[in-house]
Every structure is written in C-alpha cells, then in structure tokens.
Amino acid sequence: MLTLCRPTGDRTNEASALTILGLVHQRQGHHEPATDHLEHALTLYQQINAQGGRANVLNGLGETMQATGAVQEALTRHTDALLAATKAGDRYEQARAHDGIAAAHHTTGNVDLAHQHWQHALTLYASLEVPEAQTVQAELAALGRNTAVATSNRC
C-alpha cells in the first residue's frame, strides 16, 4: 500500500498504512521500528489535520513507550491522544487513551488516578460493547484487591 500511496501523494492512506505497520511492530515487541512508523504517520496526520488518525497513532506511541519503560512519555502521548480523540469525537480512542493513562499512573504508583482513568475507559468501552471492557474490568478488580491488601497491611 505504501508503494502505491507515496507516488500519488495520498497522504491519508500513507499515514494509515504507516500506522498499521507501526502497530504490528509494536504488538510484536519491535519497539524501534514501531516508533519510527508511528512518528512518520503522526507527522502526516498533523499535516492533513486528521484528529482521529492522530489519536490512534498517539495511543500506539503511548503503548510503545509504556512497553519500553518510558512511562512519562507514555503518559504524555496518551494525554495528547485523549485530546485528539475528544476533538474527533472518537469514543474508542478516548477509551484507549484513558486505559493508557491509567496504566501509566498505575506504574508510577498513583492508584487513585489509575482507578479514575480505568473507570472512564470502562464506561466508554462498555458503551461501545467491545471486549476491551473485560480487560479494564480485570484491571479495576486487581486494583481493588491490591488496594485492599495495602489497606489491611497498614492496620
């Protein structure tokens, strides 16, 4: 697809193809090529002012940063994704951003913010009736158990 889009100047489909390549690399644990493809796609989406595409890419970059341990960068990318997804009215990407923000806060030990963002993600995912709602429910349940254990150990 890239070989067809570039010569014709079809930046929308080029950005889409780069996003797909980046997300595939990210899910395979190939973080460097994932970041390269996603950053290139982000540049194209910014040029054509496509907020939905930006949100998808920013969430992908956030997930990649989280996987590499760059938690603050992940938080920044997911926060930017939430803003772009809100502008685009893309509830799935909003949920995905809240999920990523929650994961970053959980990693840094900010359980209250993690809980708040996972609640937002769950509400959105459940309203969309997507399987990601179950994953977020499990995160919230685990967070509840961890919180209860931490509270009982203080007594």
Protein backbone atom coordinates (compact mmCIF):
# COMPACT_ATOMS: atom_id res chain seq x y z
CA MET A 1 0.00 0.00 0.00
CA LEU A 2 2.83 2.40 0.82
CA THR A 3 4.33 1.90 -2.61
CA LEU A 4 1.01 2.94 -4.15
CA CYS A 5 0.33 5.90 -1.84
CA ARG A 6 3.67 7.68 -1.90
CA PRO A 7 3.97 8.28 -5.65
CA THR A 8 0.40 9.54 -5.88
CA GLY A 9 0.70 11.82 -2.85
CA ASP A 10 -2.11 10.06 -0.99
CA ARG A 11 -1.02 11.13 2.50
CA THR A 12 -4.18 9.85 4.22
CA ASN A 13 -3.69 6.25 3.10
CA GLU A 14 0.06 6.52 3.55
CA ALA A 15 -0.48 7.58 7.16
CA SER A 16 -2.97 4.75 7.63
CA ALA A 17 -0.53 2.17 6.23
CA LEU A 18 2.29 3.50 8.42
CA THR A 19 0.01 3.32 11.44
CA ILE A 20 -0.85 -0.30 10.74
CA LEU A 21 2.82 -1.18 10.25
CA GLY A 22 3.73 0.62 13.46
CA LEU A 23 1.04 -1.11 15.49
CA VAL A 24 2.01 -4.52 14.11
CA HIS A 25 5.65 -3.91 15.08
CA GLN A 26 4.54 -2.62 18.49
CA ARG A 27 2.47 -5.73 19.19
CA GLN A 28 5.39 -7.93 18.14
CA GLY A 29 7.67 -6.12 20.59
CA HIS A 30 9.72 -4.41 17.87
CA HIS A 31 9.69 -1.00 19.53
CA GLU A 32 12.18 0.91 17.40
CA PRO A 33 10.54 0.28 14.00
CA ALA A 34 7.12 0.75 15.65
CA THR A 35 8.15 4.17 16.89
CA ASP A 36 9.64 5.12 13.51
CA HIS A 37 6.49 4.19 11.57
CA LEU A 38 4.15 5.77 14.11
CA GLU A 39 6.13 9.03 14.29
CA HIS A 40 6.07 9.27 10.49
CA ALA A 41 2.31 8.61 10.47
CA LEU A 42 1.82 11.24 13.18
CA THR A 43 3.61 13.83 11.04
CA LEU A 44 1.35 13.03 8.09
CA TYR A 45 -1.82 13.14 10.19
CA GLN A 46 -0.76 16.51 11.60
CA GLN A 47 -0.19 17.84 8.08
CA ILE A 48 -3.67 16.82 6.98
CA ASN A 49 -5.25 17.72 10.35
CA ALA A 50 -6.82 14.29 10.92
CA GLN A 51 -7.58 14.17 14.65
CA GLY A 52 -8.89 10.59 14.63
CA GLY A 53 -5.75 9.31 12.97
CA ARG A 54 -3.61 11.35 15.35
CA ALA A 55 -5.41 9.82 18.34
CA ASN A 56 -4.82 6.28 17.08
CA VAL A 57 -1.13 6.95 16.44
CA LEU A 58 -0.60 8.77 19.74
CA ASN A 59 -2.16 5.87 21.62
CA GLY A 60 0.11 3.47 19.72
CA LEU A 61 3.12 5.58 20.65
CA GLY A 62 1.94 5.67 24.26
CA GLU A 63 1.62 1.89 24.35
CA THR A 64 5.08 1.55 22.82
CA MET A 65 6.59 3.96 25.36
CA GLN A 66 4.88 2.12 28.23
CA ALA A 67 6.30 -1.17 26.96
CA THR A 68 9.82 0.26 26.90
CA GLY A 69 9.54 1.73 30.40
CA ALA A 70 9.30 5.36 29.27
CA VAL A 71 6.27 5.93 31.47
CA GLN A 72 6.24 9.74 31.47
CA GLU A 73 6.47 9.80 27.68
CA ALA A 74 3.65 7.23 27.56
CA LEU A 75 1.54 9.45 29.79
CA THR A 76 2.19 12.46 27.55
CA ARG A 77 1.31 10.54 24.38
CA HIS A 78 -1.91 9.13 25.83
CA THR A 79 -2.92 12.54 27.18
CA ASP A 80 -2.38 14.05 23.74
CA ALA A 81 -4.36 11.15 22.25
CA LEU A 82 -7.25 11.86 24.61
CA LEU A 83 -7.36 15.47 23.44
CA ALA A 84 -7.24 14.48 19.76
CA ALA A 85 -9.85 11.75 20.22
CA THR A 86 -12.16 14.15 22.04
CA LYS A 87 -11.85 16.69 19.21
CA ALA A 88 -12.57 13.94 16.69
CA GLY A 89 -15.46 12.52 18.72
CA ASP A 90 -13.79 9.10 18.64
CA ARG A 91 -15.01 7.32 21.77
CA TYR A 92 -12.96 4.17 21.15
CA GLU A 93 -9.70 6.14 21.03
CA GLN A 94 -10.83 8.14 24.08
CA ALA A 95 -11.28 4.86 25.96
CA ARG A 96 -7.92 3.60 24.72
CA ALA A 97 -6.27 6.83 25.89
CA HIS A 98 -7.87 6.58 29.34
CA ASP A 99 -6.69 2.96 29.54
CA GLY A 100 -3.14 4.01 28.67
CA ILE A 101 -3.19 6.94 31.10
CA ALA A 102 -4.41 4.59 33.83
CA ALA A 103 -1.64 2.09 33.08
CA ALA A 104 0.98 4.83 33.28
CA HIS A 105 -0.39 6.12 36.59
CA HIS A 106 -0.55 2.57 37.94
CA THR A 107 3.09 2.04 37.00
CA THR A 108 4.11 5.19 38.89
CA GLY A 109 2.06 4.17 41.93
CA ASN A 110 -0.71 6.74 41.55
CA VAL A 111 -3.54 4.31 42.24
CA ASP A 112 -6.26 6.97 42.58
CA LEU A 113 -5.65 8.43 39.12
CA ALA A 114 -5.27 4.94 37.65
CA HIS A 115 -8.64 4.00 39.10
CA GLN A 116 -10.31 7.17 37.76
CA HIS A 117 -9.00 6.68 34.23
CA TRP A 118 -9.80 2.97 34.16
CA GLN A 119 -13.35 3.85 35.23
CA HIS A 120 -13.61 6.28 32.31
CA ALA A 121 -12.18 3.65 29.95
CA LEU A 122 -14.60 1.02 31.23
CA THR A 123 -17.61 3.30 30.78
CA LEU A 124 -16.62 4.10 27.20
CA TYR A 125 -15.65 0.54 26.24
CA ALA A 126 -18.84 -0.86 27.78
CA SER A 127 -20.98 1.66 25.89
CA LEU A 128 -19.26 0.56 22.69
CA GLU A 129 -19.75 -3.11 23.62
CA VAL A 130 -16.15 -4.05 22.83
CA PRO A 131 -14.14 -6.82 24.51
CA GLU A 132 -11.62 -4.34 25.91
CA ALA A 133 -14.22 -3.61 28.63
CA GLN A 134 -13.46 -7.02 30.17
CA THR A 135 -9.73 -6.30 30.28
CA VAL A 136 -10.33 -2.98 32.03
CA GLN A 137 -12.74 -4.64 34.47
CA ALA A 138 -9.97 -7.09 35.34
CA GLU A 139 -7.53 -4.20 35.89
CA LEU A 140 -10.02 -2.48 38.19
CA ALA A 141 -10.65 -5.72 40.08
CA ALA A 142 -6.92 -6.28 40.54
CA LEU A 143 -6.51 -2.68 41.61
CA GLY A 144 -9.28 -3.17 44.16
CA ARG A 145 -7.58 -6.28 45.56
CA ASN A 146 -4.21 -4.53 45.66
CA THR A 147 -5.74 -1.53 47.42
CA ALA A 148 -7.50 -3.77 49.94
CA VAL A 149 -4.27 -5.66 50.65
CA ALA A 150 -2.33 -2.42 51.07
CA THR A 151 -5.01 -1.06 53.44
CA SER A 152 -5.17 -4.22 55.54
CA ASN A 153 -1.39 -4.31 55.88
CA ARG A 154 -1.42 -0.81 57.41
CA CYS A 155 -3.65 -1.83 60.34
